Protein backbone atom coordinates (compact mmCIF):
# COMPACT_ATOMS: atom_id res chain seq x y z
CA ALA A 1 90.14 128.86 137.60
CA ASP A 2 90.88 125.16 137.81
CA THR A 3 91.85 124.26 141.35
CA THR A 4 92.36 120.52 140.77
CA VAL A 5 95.75 119.62 142.20
CA LEU A 6 98.15 117.33 140.38
CA MET A 7 100.64 115.63 142.70
CA LEU A 8 104.12 114.86 141.52
CA PRO A 9 107.06 113.88 143.70
CA ALA A 10 107.86 116.86 145.94
CA LEU A 11 105.73 119.13 143.76
CA LEU A 12 102.15 120.42 143.92
CA PHE A 13 100.60 122.65 141.29
CA PRO A 14 97.18 123.22 139.65
CA LEU A 15 96.15 120.96 136.76
CA SER A 16 96.12 124.01 134.47
CA ALA A 17 99.86 124.38 135.15
CA ALA A 18 100.41 120.76 134.06
CA ILE A 19 98.53 121.45 130.83
CA ASP A 20 100.65 124.56 130.25
CA LEU A 21 103.78 122.49 130.95
CA HIS A 22 102.79 119.79 128.43
CA ALA A 23 102.04 122.44 125.82
CA SER A 24 105.53 123.92 126.22
CA ILE A 25 108.16 123.39 123.57
CA GLU A 26 110.57 122.12 126.24
CA TRP A 27 108.16 119.38 127.40
CA GLN A 28 107.36 118.35 123.82
CA ILE A 29 111.06 118.09 122.94
CA GLU A 30 111.72 115.94 126.01
CA ALA A 31 108.62 113.76 125.42
CA TYR A 32 109.22 113.14 121.72
CA SER A 33 112.96 112.59 122.26
CA ALA A 34 112.07 109.81 124.70
CA ALA A 35 111.19 107.60 121.73
CA ALA A 36 114.85 106.71 121.10
CA PRO A 37 118.06 106.26 123.05
CA SER A 38 119.54 109.63 123.99
CA PHE A 39 122.63 109.07 121.82
CA LEU A 40 120.26 109.41 118.82
CA SER A 41 117.49 111.65 120.08
CA SER A 42 119.75 114.30 121.65
CA LYS A 43 120.85 115.33 118.16
CA ALA A 44 117.60 114.58 116.30
CA THR A 45 115.23 117.09 114.74
CA ILE A 46 112.06 117.30 116.84
CA LEU A 47 108.69 117.97 115.18
CA ASP A 48 105.30 118.60 116.76
CA SER A 49 102.10 116.90 115.59
CA THR A 50 101.67 119.51 112.82
CA GLN A 51 105.26 118.77 111.68
CA LYS A 52 106.44 122.18 112.85
CA VAL A 53 110.14 122.07 113.77
CA LEU A 54 110.60 122.46 117.54
CA ARG A 55 114.35 121.84 117.41
CA ASN A 56 116.69 121.41 114.47
CA GLY A 57 118.89 118.34 114.58
CA THR A 58 122.30 117.45 113.24
CA ASN A 59 122.28 113.66 112.79
CA GLY A 60 119.60 112.94 110.16
CA TRP A 61 117.11 111.51 112.69
CA THR A 62 113.67 112.94 113.43
CA CYS A 63 111.40 112.41 116.45
CA MET A 64 107.71 113.31 116.58
CA PRO A 65 104.38 112.19 118.05
CA ALA A 66 102.81 109.35 116.08
CA ASN A 67 99.46 108.78 117.82
CA PRO A 68 97.03 109.07 114.87
CA SER A 69 94.12 109.81 117.22
CA GLY A 70 95.65 112.98 118.64
CA PRO A 71 95.48 114.06 122.30
CA ALA A 72 92.46 112.83 124.29
CA SER A 73 92.18 116.10 126.22
CA GLU A 74 89.97 118.92 125.01
CA ASP A 75 92.93 121.24 125.50
CA GLY A 76 94.76 119.48 122.67
CA VAL A 77 97.84 118.59 124.73
CA TRP A 78 99.24 115.14 125.41
CA ALA A 79 98.73 113.82 128.94
CA SER A 80 102.04 111.94 128.73
CA ALA A 81 104.80 110.96 126.36
CA ARG A 82 103.15 107.52 126.15
CA GLU A 83 99.89 109.08 124.91
CA ALA A 84 101.84 110.94 122.20
CA ALA A 85 103.39 107.60 121.10
CA PRO A 86 106.56 109.33 119.88
CA VAL A 87 108.62 107.77 117.13
CA CYS A 88 112.20 108.44 115.95
CA PHE A 89 113.34 107.62 112.43
CA ASP A 90 115.93 108.46 109.78
CA ALA A 91 115.27 109.40 106.13
CA ALA A 92 114.33 105.83 105.12
CA GLY A 93 111.96 105.60 108.09
CA LEU A 94 110.42 108.90 107.01
CA ASP A 95 109.68 107.36 103.59
CA TRP A 96 107.67 104.64 105.35
CA MET A 97 105.94 107.14 107.64
CA LYS A 98 104.93 109.30 104.66
CA GLY A 99 103.38 106.29 102.94
CA TRP A 100 101.51 105.24 106.09
CA MET A 101 100.18 108.76 106.73
CA ALA A 102 99.00 108.98 103.09
CA ARG A 103 97.68 105.37 103.18
CA LYS A 104 99.86 104.58 100.16
CA LYS A 105 102.58 101.98 99.68
CA PRO A 106 105.82 103.36 101.15
CA LEU A 107 108.48 104.01 98.52
CA MET A 108 111.70 103.13 100.29
CA LYS A 109 115.31 103.14 99.11
CA ARG A 110 116.42 100.77 101.90
CA ASP A 111 115.30 99.12 105.13
CA ALA A 112 114.93 101.41 108.15
CA PHE A 113 115.10 100.98 111.91
CA VAL A 114 112.59 103.06 113.87
CA TRP A 115 112.37 103.57 117.64
CA MET A 116 109.29 103.76 119.89
CA LEU A 117 110.62 103.44 123.43
CA GLN A 118 107.41 104.95 124.89
CA GLY A 119 105.28 102.37 123.10
CA ASP A 120 101.87 103.15 121.66
CA LEU A 121 98.21 103.04 122.69
CA GLY A 122 97.29 100.17 120.43
CA PHE A 123 96.70 98.88 116.92
CA ASP A 124 95.06 95.92 115.26
CA ASN A 125 98.08 93.76 114.42
CA THR A 126 96.64 92.89 111.00
CA ASP A 127 95.28 96.25 109.81
CA PRO A 128 97.47 99.39 109.74
CA PHE A 129 94.50 101.74 109.93
CA VAL A 130 92.47 100.25 112.79
CA THR A 131 93.31 102.23 115.91
CA SER A 132 90.44 101.30 118.22
CA LYS A 133 90.06 98.09 120.17
CA GLU A 134 86.36 97.93 119.25
CA GLU A 135 87.16 97.76 115.53
CA ALA A 136 90.07 95.33 115.88
CA GLY A 137 89.88 91.72 114.77
CA PRO A 138 89.44 89.01 117.41
CA ASP A 139 92.64 88.64 119.45
CA GLN A 140 94.49 91.12 117.21
CA TRP A 141 94.61 94.18 119.50
CA ILE A 142 98.11 94.96 120.84
CA GLU A 143 99.12 97.91 122.99
CA SER A 144 102.85 97.89 122.44
CA GLY A 145 105.34 98.81 125.12
CA PRO A 146 108.90 99.93 124.33
CA HIS A 147 110.13 98.56 121.00
CA LEU A 148 112.33 98.93 117.96
CA MET A 149 110.87 98.39 114.50
CA MET A 150 112.45 97.39 111.21
CA PHE A 151 110.60 98.77 108.20
CA PRO A 152 111.71 96.64 105.23
CA LYS A 153 112.06 97.99 101.73
CA ASP A 154 110.33 94.76 100.65
CA PRO A 155 107.59 93.89 103.18
CA ALA A 156 106.96 90.53 101.46
CA ALA A 157 110.35 89.40 102.79
CA LEU A 158 108.84 89.18 106.29
CA SER A 159 105.94 86.91 105.36
CA ASP A 160 107.68 83.58 105.96
CA ALA A 161 110.60 84.76 108.07
CA PHE A 162 108.75 85.78 111.27
CA THR A 163 105.58 84.91 113.13
CA SER A 164 102.74 87.42 113.38
CA ASP A 165 101.90 86.17 116.89
CA PHE A 166 102.70 89.10 119.18
CA SER A 167 102.14 87.10 122.38
CA LEU A 168 105.32 85.01 122.13
CA GLY A 169 107.80 87.61 123.40
CA GLU A 170 109.93 87.51 120.27
CA PRO A 171 110.20 89.67 117.15
CA TYR A 172 107.02 89.44 115.09
CA THR A 173 105.50 90.85 111.92
CA MET A 174 102.94 93.61 112.37
CA PHE A 175 100.45 94.23 109.54
CA PRO A 176 101.47 90.98 107.76
CA GLY A 177 100.57 90.67 104.09
CA THR A 178 100.16 94.44 103.64
CA ASP A 179 102.40 97.12 102.13
CA PHE A 180 102.98 98.28 105.72
CA ALA A 181 104.27 94.98 107.14
CA HIS A 182 107.21 95.56 109.48
CA LEU A 183 109.15 93.73 112.16
CA MET A 184 108.35 94.59 115.78
CA ILE A 185 111.25 93.96 118.19
CA PRO A 186 110.00 94.09 121.80
CA ALA A 187 112.25 95.72 124.41
CA SER A 188 112.18 95.33 128.18
CA GLY A 189 108.77 96.41 129.49
CA TYR A 190 106.97 95.63 126.22
CA TYR A 191 104.30 93.53 127.90
CA GLY A 192 104.01 95.80 130.94
CA GLU A 193 106.50 93.89 133.07
CA GLU A 194 108.79 95.97 135.21
CA THR A 195 112.10 96.91 133.67
């Protein structure tokens, strides 16, 4: 049996217990709900990484893990909500997500706002399918902290309206010039500063 001890405030338990905890439906619901403000996520449908419903919602929003690489652990469980890179979206956001997952142009009826308050583990800012720093273009790797995104129905509308420079601390276009271009709106803690 694993006797490695994981220390949490006022709590000691074996690492295997932490893995069991993170595999629980309760932990997954809490972790994936952390992608959006509680006034949205508390009533959202929560899906796991296989898109199995963990909790039915009532407000038309959905939260789920969005890390395309999956968990790093051999046990297949997320080490943290941040590693899961949870995302919360409404029906229009789902249209974009479906396109991205299928690597096809999203067919959207309207613009969508999408939350990622846990951030992500990194993307090439110019290529929607590069998810490793080694494959990223020079100076294009960004590990995003907490943010809100706007997925436009017409991504071309962003091309001249916003910079694609993510280092400025202002809203910027991610994946510019592609069918997946969207506006990234950094929140407090985006660049790792304390909130």
